[in-house]
Amino acid sequence: MLYRYLRDLHLYFGLFISPFVLMFAASVFYLNHGKLPDGPARTPEIYRDLRIPEGLDRLKGREAVDRAREILPQIDVSGEIGFVRYVATSKHLIFPVSRPWLETTVDVALADGSAEVIRRPTSVWESIAYLHKMPGPHNVALRGNWVVTQAWRWLADATIYLVLFISISGIYLWWTIRAERVAGLMLLSAGFITVFGLAYAVVR
């Protein structure tokens, strides 16, 4: 009974996460070998008469990000805000907004309520690499400030948990087939030797 349930879960969970695993695997090639070509200069878009939330020049961290998000609908921008930087000398607020297929830099002049917006379309590989890195371990306090990023974080975590389940259940399913134990042990041993051998070579 346990074997049958685990076999079915192993199969169907594996089919469900296979697109995510393939995406993460393929994006590694771009992260390791991809080079971003220099594209043509893009014309900034100017937006005026914006409603600027009060106190943006004094806020920091996630609070600044949340208030800066109130500007995005006014300039037709959506995505994950990477950081918020206030330039005191010019009273400008600068922040990047990223999402698959598009990167946007927003430069808000707090004094007159205007914003300069520069949009840069991204390639398929850049977009996949972006998903691979998000939400990521950097600027944890700011990550997940876009609802799509929040949903993606849950899916990415679920993929890891299901990969662990498939790995463990796969070992159980293999062990129940006596005829495959010797070959399986040889391959499992080869895998362990390879992993720990590389780890030893790196840290020594």
Foldseek 3Di string as FASTA:
>chain_A
DVLVVLVVLLVVLCVVCVVVVVLLVVLVCCVVDNDDDDDDDFDWDKDFPFDQDPPLLPDAAQVNVLRVVVRCVVVVDAAAWPGWDADVVQRWIWIWGDAQQKIKIWIARPVGGMIIITMDGDDPSVRSNVLSCPPHDPSVRRGPPHVVSVVSVVVVVVSVVSVVSSVVSVVVSQVVPVVNVVVVVVVVVVVVCVVVVVVVVVPD
